[in-house]
């Protein structure tokens, strides 16, 4: 089974808002996984000094979508 994974940075140093919280210095990345003609597209948002703040994945052929957004965090 051949798997092809490609990724790229779509945006850098942007400000985004999730769950009414604004995050600065955010990087948005896209990762596309293709396995035997089935494609899953993932988007990830990473905030500086916090980490992953949101993820959105979808597979159009399977009519599947999943979303995640950070609810809270604590920086030590």
PDB file of N, CA and C in Angstrom:
ATOM      1  N   UNK A   1       0.847  -1.176   0.000  1.00  0.00           N
ATOM      2  CA  UNK A   1       0.000   0.000   0.000  1.00  0.00           C
ATOM      3  C   UNK A   1       0.890   1.237   0.000  1.00  0.00           C
ATOM      4  N   UNK A   2       0.743   2.049  -1.007  1.00  0.00           N
ATOM      5  CA  UNK A   2       1.524   3.279  -1.103  1.00  0.00           C
ATOM      6  C   UNK A   2       0.815   4.408  -0.375  1.00  0.00           C
ATOM      7  N   UNK A   3       1.577   5.124   0.430  1.00  0.00           N
ATOM      8  CA  UNK A   3       1.064   6.272   1.149  1.00  0.00           C
ATOM      9  C   UNK A   3       1.926   7.468   0.777  1.00  0.00           C
ATOM     10  N   UNK A   4       1.287   8.542   0.385  1.00  0.00           N
ATOM     11  CA  UNK A   4       1.987   9.776   0.047  1.00  0.00           C
ATOM     12  C   UNK A   4       1.495  10.862   0.990  1.00  0.00           C
ATOM     13  N   UNK A   5       2.430  11.461   1.729  1.00  0.00           N
ATOM     14  CA  UNK A   5       2.084  12.530   2.658  1.00  0.00           C
ATOM     15  C   UNK A   5       2.866  13.772   2.256  1.00  0.00           C
ATOM     16  N   UNK A   6       2.144  14.859   2.037  1.00  0.00           N
ATOM     17  CA  UNK A   6       2.793  16.127   1.706  1.00  0.00           C
ATOM     18  C   UNK A   6       2.318  17.185   2.691  1.00  0.00           C
ATOM     19  N   UNK A   7       3.202  18.078   3.028  1.00  0.00           N
ATOM     20  CA  UNK A   7       2.849  19.134   3.960  1.00  0.00           C
ATOM     21  C   UNK A   7       3.461  20.445   3.545  1.00  0.00           C
ATOM     22  N   UNK A   8       2.811  21.524   3.947  1.00  0.00           N
ATOM     23  CA  UNK A   8       3.358  22.834   3.674  1.00  0.00           C
ATOM     24  C   UNK A   8       2.811  23.846   4.672  1.00  0.00           C
ATOM     25  N   UNK A   9       3.576  24.900   4.868  1.00  0.00           N
ATOM     26  CA  UNK A   9       3.156  26.004   5.712  1.00  0.00           C
ATOM     27  C   UNK A   9       2.321  26.946   4.848  1.00  0.00           C
ATOM     28  N   UNK A  10       1.102  27.238   5.273  1.00  0.00           N
ATOM     29  CA  UNK A  10       0.218  28.127   4.519  1.00  0.00           C
ATOM     30  C   UNK A  10       0.307  29.572   4.997  1.00  0.00           C
ATOM     31  N   UNK A  11       0.491  29.760   6.314  1.00  0.00           N
ATOM     32  CA  UNK A  11       0.569  31.108   6.881  1.00  0.00           C
ATOM     33  C   UNK A  11       1.541  31.098   8.056  1.00  0.00           C
ATOM     34  N   UNK A  12       2.197  32.237   8.262  1.00  0.00           N
ATOM     35  CA  UNK A  12       3.110  32.394   9.397  1.00  0.00           C
ATOM     36  C   UNK A  12       2.869  33.742  10.060  1.00  0.00           C
ATOM     37  N   UNK A  13       3.071  33.769  11.375  1.00  0.00           N
ATOM     38  CA  UNK A  13       2.974  35.015  12.143  1.00  0.00           C
ATOM     39  C   UNK A  13       1.652  35.739  11.942  1.00  0.00           C
ATOM     40  N   UNK A  14       0.551  34.981  11.950  1.00  0.00           N
ATOM     41  CA  UNK A  14      -0.774  35.577  11.812  1.00  0.00           C
ATOM     42  C   UNK A  14      -1.494  35.531  13.159  1.00  0.00           C
ATOM     43  N   UNK A  15      -2.572  36.268  13.256  1.00  0.00           N
ATOM     44  CA  UNK A  15      -3.437  36.243  14.431  1.00  0.00           C
ATOM     45  C   UNK A  15      -4.745  35.573  14.042  1.00  0.00           C
ATOM     46  N   UNK A  16      -5.172  34.599  14.839  1.00  0.00           N
ATOM     47  CA  UNK A  16      -6.430  33.888  14.583  1.00  0.00           C
ATOM     48  C   UNK A  16      -7.249  33.870  15.877  1.00  0.00           C
ATOM     49  N   UNK A  17      -8.541  33.638  15.727  1.00  0.00           N
ATOM     50  CA  UNK A  17      -9.432  33.562  16.883  1.00  0.00           C
ATOM     51  C   UNK A  17     -10.188  32.238  16.841  1.00  0.00           C
ATOM     52  N   UNK A  18     -10.103  31.495  17.932  1.00  0.00           N
ATOM     53  CA  UNK A  18     -10.861  30.262  18.125  1.00  0.00           C
ATOM     54  C   UNK A  18     -11.514  30.339  19.504  1.00  0.00           C
ATOM     55  N   UNK A  19     -12.768  29.949  19.594  1.00  0.00           N
ATOM     56  CA  UNK A  19     -13.509  29.972  20.865  1.00  0.00           C
ATOM     57  C   UNK A  19     -13.405  31.338  21.543  1.00  0.00           C
ATOM     58  N   UNK A  20     -13.515  32.405  20.760  1.00  0.00           N
ATOM     59  CA  UNK A  20     -13.469  33.788  21.252  1.00  0.00           C
ATOM     60  C   UNK A  20     -12.150  34.169  21.920  1.00  0.00           C
ATOM     61  N   UNK A  21     -11.077  33.430  21.617  1.00  0.00           N
ATOM     62  CA  UNK A  21      -9.742  33.751  22.116  1.00  0.00           C
ATOM     63  C   UNK A  21      -8.851  34.040  20.917  1.00  0.00           C
ATOM     64  N   UNK A  22      -8.169  35.181  20.948  1.00  0.00           N
ATOM     65  CA  UNK A  22      -7.250  35.535  19.862  1.00  0.00           C
ATOM     66  C   UNK A  22      -5.851  35.040  20.199  1.00  0.00           C
ATOM     67  N   UNK A  23      -5.210  34.432  19.221  1.00  0.00           N
ATOM     68  CA  UNK A  23      -3.852  33.916  19.367  1.00  0.00           C
ATOM     69  C   UNK A  23      -2.966  34.630  18.352  1.00  0.00           C
ATOM     70  N   UNK A  24      -1.805  35.105  18.807  1.00  0.00           N
ATOM     71  CA  UNK A  24      -0.856  35.771  17.930  1.00  0.00           C
ATOM     72  C   UNK A  24       0.292  34.822  17.589  1.00  0.00           C
ATOM     73  N   UNK A  25       1.078  35.206  16.601  1.00  0.00           N
ATOM     74  CA  UNK A  25       2.242  34.412  16.180  1.00  0.00           C
ATOM     75  C   UNK A  25       1.848  32.974  15.849  1.00  0.00           C
ATOM     76  N   UNK A  26       0.837  32.823  15.024  1.00  0.00           N
ATOM     77  CA  UNK A  26       0.303  31.509  14.676  1.00  0.00           C
ATOM     78  C   UNK A  26       0.848  31.055  13.319  1.00  0.00           C
ATOM     79  N   UNK A  27       1.115  29.767  13.241  1.00  0.00           N
ATOM     80  CA  UNK A  27       1.498  29.118  11.987  1.00  0.00           C
ATOM     81  C   UNK A  27       0.364  28.181  11.590  1.00  0.00           C
ATOM     82  N   UNK A  28      -0.073  28.267  10.330  1.00  0.00           N
ATOM     83  CA  UNK A  28      -1.087  27.355   9.800  1.00  0.00           C
ATOM     84  C   UNK A  28      -0.405  26.416   8.812  1.00  0.00           C
ATOM     85  N   UNK A  29      -0.577  25.119   9.040  1.00  0.00           N
ATOM     86  CA  UNK A  29       0.039  24.111   8.178  1.00  0.00           C
ATOM     87  C   UNK A  29      -1.035  23.220   7.558  1.00  0.00           C
ATOM     88  N   UNK A  30      -0.732  22.713   6.373  1.00  0.00           N
ATOM     89  CA  UNK A  30      -1.616  21.777   5.679  1.00  0.00           C
ATOM     90  C   UNK A  30      -0.845  20.482   5.460  1.00  0.00           C
ATOM     91  N   UNK A  31      -1.464  19.350   5.802  1.00  0.00           N
ATOM     92  CA  UNK A  31      -0.876  18.031   5.568  1.00  0.00           C
ATOM     93  C   UNK A  31      -1.911  17.201   4.816  1.00  0.00           C
ATOM     94  N   UNK A  32      -1.512  16.706   3.650  1.00  0.00           N
ATOM     95  CA  UNK A  32      -2.411  15.898   2.824  1.00  0.00           C
ATOM     96  C   UNK A  32      -1.871  14.475   2.765  1.00  0.00           C
ATOM     97  N   UNK A  33      -2.730  13.531   3.105  1.00  0.00           N
ATOM     98  CA  UNK A  33      -2.371  12.108   3.085  1.00  0.00           C
ATOM     99  C   UNK A  33      -3.183  11.421   1.997  1.00  0.00           C
ATOM    100  N   UNK A  34      -2.507  10.744   1.098  1.00  0.00           N
ATOM    101  CA  UNK A  34      -3.169  10.012   0.021  1.00  0.00           C
ATOM    102  C   UNK A  34      -2.788   8.545   0.126  1.00  0.00           C
ATOM    103  N   UNK A  35      -3.782   7.706   0.344  1.00  0.00           N
ATOM    104  CA  UNK A  35      -3.584   6.262   0.451  1.00  0.00           C
ATOM    105  C   UNK A  35      -4.532   5.575  -0.520  1.00  0.00           C
ATOM    106  N   UNK A  36      -3.990   4.961  -1.541  1.00  0.00           N
ATOM    107  CA  UNK A  36      -4.777   4.233  -2.540  1.00  0.00           C
ATOM    108  C   UNK A  36      -5.951   5.064  -3.062  1.00  0.00           C
ATOM    109  N   UNK A  37      -5.694   6.310  -3.375  1.00  0.00           N
ATOM    110  CA  UNK A  37      -6.731   7.164  -3.942  1.00  0.00           C
ATOM    111  C   UNK A  37      -7.636   7.839  -2.935  1.00  0.00           C
ATOM    112  N   UNK A  38      -7.501   7.489  -1.659  1.00  0.00           N
ATOM    113  CA  UNK A  38      -8.288   8.128  -0.605  1.00  0.00           C
ATOM    114  C   UNK A  38      -7.463   9.287  -0.054  1.00  0.00           C
ATOM    115  N   UNK A  39      -7.999  10.488  -0.093  1.00  0.00           N
ATOM    116  CA  UNK A  39      -7.264  11.664   0.343  1.00  0.00           C
ATOM    117  C   UNK A  39      -7.879  12.245   1.612  1.00  0.00           C
ATOM    118  N   UNK A  40      -7.019  12.494   2.599  1.00  0.00           N
ATOM    119  CA  UNK A  40      -7.426  13.162   3.831  1.00  0.00           C
ATOM    120  C   UNK A  40      -6.603  14.439   3.931  1.00  0.00           C
ATOM    121  N   UNK A  41      -7.287  15.559   4.078  1.00  0.00           N
ATOM    122  CA  UNK A  41      -6.625  16.853   4.200  1.00  0.00           C
ATOM    123  C   UNK A  41      -6.753  17.331   5.631  1.00  0.00           C
ATOM    124  N   UNK A  42      -5.622  17.717   6.211  1.00  0.00           N
ATOM    125  CA  UNK A  42      -5.569  18.183   7.598  1.00  0.00           C
ATOM    126  C   UNK A  42      -5.011  19.597   7.632  1.00  0.00           C
ATOM    127  N   UNK A  43      -5.616  20.442   8.435  1.00  0.00           N
ATOM    128  CA  UNK A  43      -5.097  21.781   8.693  1.00  0.00           C
ATOM    129  C   UNK A  43      -4.794  21.879  10.180  1.00  0.00           C
ATOM    130  N   UNK A  44      -3.620  22.422  10.504  1.00  0.00           N
ATOM    131  CA  UNK A  44      -3.176  22.570  11.888  1.00  0.00           C
ATOM    132  C   UNK A  44      -2.797  24.020  12.140  1.00  0.00           C
ATOM    133  N   UNK A  45      -3.184  24.546  13.290  1.00  0.00           N
ATOM    134  CA  UNK A  45      -2.800  25.889  13.713  1.00  0.00           C
ATOM    135  C   UNK A  45      -1.990  25.749  14.995  1.00  0.00           C
ATOM    136  N   UNK A  46      -0.767  26.294  14.988  1.00  0.00           N
ATOM    137  CA  UNK A  46       0.132  26.252  16.131  1.00  0.00           C
ATOM    138  C   UNK A  46       0.417  27.681  16.591  1.00  0.00           C
ATOM    139  N   UNK A  47       0.238  27.949  17.880  1.00  0.00           N
ATOM    140  CA  UNK A  47       0.531  29.267  18.443  1.00  0.00           C
ATOM    141  C   UNK A  47       1.855  29.200  19.203  1.00  0.00           C
ATOM    142  N   UNK A  48       2.654  30.228  19.037  1.00  0.00           N
ATOM    143  CA  UNK A  48       3.949  30.302  19.704  1.00  0.00           C
ATOM    144  C   UNK A  48       3.766  30.223  21.217  1.00  0.00           C
ATOM    145  N   UNK A  49       4.593  29.414  21.860  1.00  0.00           N
ATOM    146  CA  UNK A  49       4.608  29.197  23.315  1.00  0.00           C
ATOM    147  C   UNK A  49       3.361  28.496  23.848  1.00  0.00           C
ATOM    148  N   UNK A  50       2.467  28.039  22.959  1.00  0.00           N
ATOM    149  CA  UNK A  50       1.275  27.313  23.398  1.00  0.00           C
ATOM    150  C   UNK A  50       1.246  25.927  22.770  1.00  0.00           C
ATOM    151  N   UNK A  51       1.405  25.857  21.457  1.00  0.00           N
ATOM    152  CA  UNK A  51       1.343  24.587  20.737  1.00  0.00           C
ATOM    153  C   UNK A  51       0.121  24.524  19.848  1.00  0.00           C
ATOM    154  N   UNK A  52      -0.398  23.325  19.656  1.00  0.00           N
ATOM    155  CA  UNK A  52      -1.548  23.116  18.780  1.00  0.00           C
ATOM    156  C   UNK A  52      -2.795  23.769  19.385  1.00  0.00           C
ATOM    157  N   UNK A  53      -3.420  24.664  18.618  1.00  0.00           N
ATOM    158  CA  UNK A  53      -4.629  25.331  19.107  1.00  0.00           C
ATOM    159  C   UNK A  53      -5.872  24.919  18.333  1.00  0.00           C
ATOM    160  N   UNK A  54      -5.683  24.370  17.129  1.00  0.00           N
ATOM    161  CA  UNK A  54      -6.844  23.926  16.352  1.00  0.00           C
ATOM    162  C   UNK A  54      -6.400  22.959  15.268  1.00  0.00           C
ATOM    163  N   UNK A  55      -7.319  22.095  14.894  1.00  0.00           N
ATOM    164  CA  UNK A  55      -7.099  21.121  13.828  1.00  0.00           C
ATOM    165  C   UNK A  55      -8.412  20.909  13.108  1.00  0.00           C
ATOM    166  N   UNK A  56      -8.345  20.815  11.784  1.00  0.00           N
ATOM    167  CA  UNK A  56      -9.517  20.482  10.984  1.00  0.00           C
ATOM    168  C   UNK A  56      -9.099  19.440   9.963  1.00  0.00           C
ATOM    169  N   UNK A  57      -9.812  18.334   9.901  1.00  0.00           N
ATOM    170  CA  UNK A  57      -9.511  17.253   8.970  1.00  0.00           C
ATOM    171  C   UNK A  57     -10.751  16.909   8.170  1.00  0.00           C
ATOM    172  N   UNK A  58     -10.537  16.599   6.890  1.00  0.00           N
ATOM    173  CA  UNK A  58     -11.681  16.129   6.115  1.00  0.00           C
ATOM    174  C   UNK A  58     -11.230  15.182   5.012  1.00  0.00           C
ATOM    175  N   UNK A  59     -12.143  14.281   4.707  1.00  0.00           N
ATOM    176  CA  UNK A  59     -11.973  13.329   3.616  1.00  0.00           C
ATOM    177  C   UNK A  59     -13.228  13.433   2.773  1.00  0.00           C
ATOM    178  N   UNK A  60     -13.116  14.117   1.651  1.00  0.00           N
ATOM    179  CA  UNK A  60     -14.288  14.413   0.828  1.00  0.00           C
ATOM    180  C   UNK A  60     -14.957  13.139   0.318  1.00  0.00           C
ATOM    181  N   UNK A  61     -14.177  12.159  -0.115  1.00  0.00           N
ATOM    182  CA  UNK A  61     -14.757  10.934  -0.673  1.00  0.00           C
ATOM    183  C   UNK A  61     -15.571  10.165   0.359  1.00  0.00           C
ATOM    184  N   UNK A  62     -15.172  10.250   1.633  1.00  0.00           N
ATOM    185  CA  UNK A  62     -15.897   9.545   2.698  1.00  0.00           C
ATOM    186  C   UNK A  62     -16.928  10.442   3.374  1.00  0.00           C
ATOM    187  N   UNK A  63     -17.041  11.697   2.906  1.00  0.00           N
ATOM    188  CA  UNK A  63     -17.960  12.651   3.518  1.00  0.00           C
ATOM    189  C   UNK A  63     -17.721  12.734   5.022  1.00  0.00           C
ATOM    190  N   UNK A  64     -16.442  12.918   5.385  1.00  0.00           N
ATOM    191  CA  UNK A  64     -16.017  12.900   6.783  1.00  0.00           C
ATOM    192  C   UNK A  64     -15.298  14.195   7.118  1.00  0.00           C
ATOM    193  N   UNK A  65     -15.622  14.786   8.253  1.00  0.00           N
ATOM    194  CA  UNK A  65     -14.916  15.975   8.730  1.00  0.00           C
ATOM    195  C   UNK A  65     -14.838  15.914  10.248  1.00  0.00           C
ATOM    196  N   UNK A  66     -13.736  16.437  10.772  1.00  0.00           N
ATOM    197  CA  UNK A  66     -13.531  16.469  12.218  1.00  0.00           C
ATOM    198  C   UNK A  66     -12.807  17.760  12.573  1.00  0.00           C
ATOM    199  N   UNK A  67     -13.219  18.403  13.652  1.00  0.00           N
ATOM    200  CA  UNK A  67     -12.590  19.656  14.068  1.00  0.00           C
ATOM    201  C   UNK A  67     -12.237  19.592  15.547  1.00  0.00           C
ATOM    202  N   UNK A  68     -11.173  20.265  15.895  1.00  0.00           N
ATOM    203  CA  UNK A  68     -10.704  20.368  17.268  1.00  0.00           C
ATOM    204  C   UNK A  68     -10.280  21.811  17.506  1.00  0.00           C
ATOM    205  N   UNK A  69     -10.662  22.372  18.654  1.00  0.00           N
ATOM    206  CA  UNK A  69     -10.200  23.697  19.047  1.00  0.00           C
ATOM    207  C   UNK A  69      -9.832  23.660  20.517  1.00  0.00           C
ATOM    208  N   UNK A  70      -8.715  24.273  20.845  1.00  0.00           N
ATOM    209  CA  UNK A  70      -8.250  24.336  22.222  1.00  0.00           C
ATOM    210  C   UNK A  70      -9.288  25.045  23.075  1.00  0.00           C
ATOM    211  N   UNK A  71      -9.586  24.479  24.226  1.00  0.00           N
ATOM    212  CA  UNK A  71     -10.573  25.070  25.127  1.00  0.00           C
ATOM    213  C   UNK A  71      -9.873  25.913  26.188  1.00  0.00           C
ATOM    214  N   UNK A  72      -8.766  25.415  26.719  1.00  0.00           N
ATOM    215  CA  UNK A  72      -8.009  26.171  27.723  1.00  0.00           C
ATOM    216  C   UNK A  72      -6.566  25.670  27.737  1.00  0.00           C
ATOM    217  N   UNK A  73      -5.688  26.472  28.324  1.00  0.00           N
ATOM    218  CA  UNK A  73      -4.294  26.080  28.444  1.00  0.00           C
ATOM    219  C   UNK A  73      -3.665  26.795  29.622  1.00  0.00           C
ATOM    220  N   UNK A  74      -2.560  26.244  30.100  1.00  0.00           N
ATOM    221  CA  UNK A  74      -1.819  26.815  31.210  1.00  0.00           C
ATOM    222  C   UNK A  74      -0.352  26.781  30.851  1.00  0.00           C
ATOM    223  N   UNK A  75       0.303  27.936  30.774  1.00  0.00           N
ATOM    224  CA  UNK A  75       1.721  28.010  30.450  1.00  0.00           C
ATOM    225  C   UNK A  75       2.499  28.125  31.750  1.00  0.00           C
ATOM    226  N   UNK A  76       3.388  27.166  31.988  1.00  0.00           N
ATOM    227  CA  UNK A  76       4.215  27.188  33.198  1.00  0.00           C
ATOM    228  C   UNK A  76       5.559  27.798  32.914  1.00  0.00           C
TER     229      UNK A  76
END
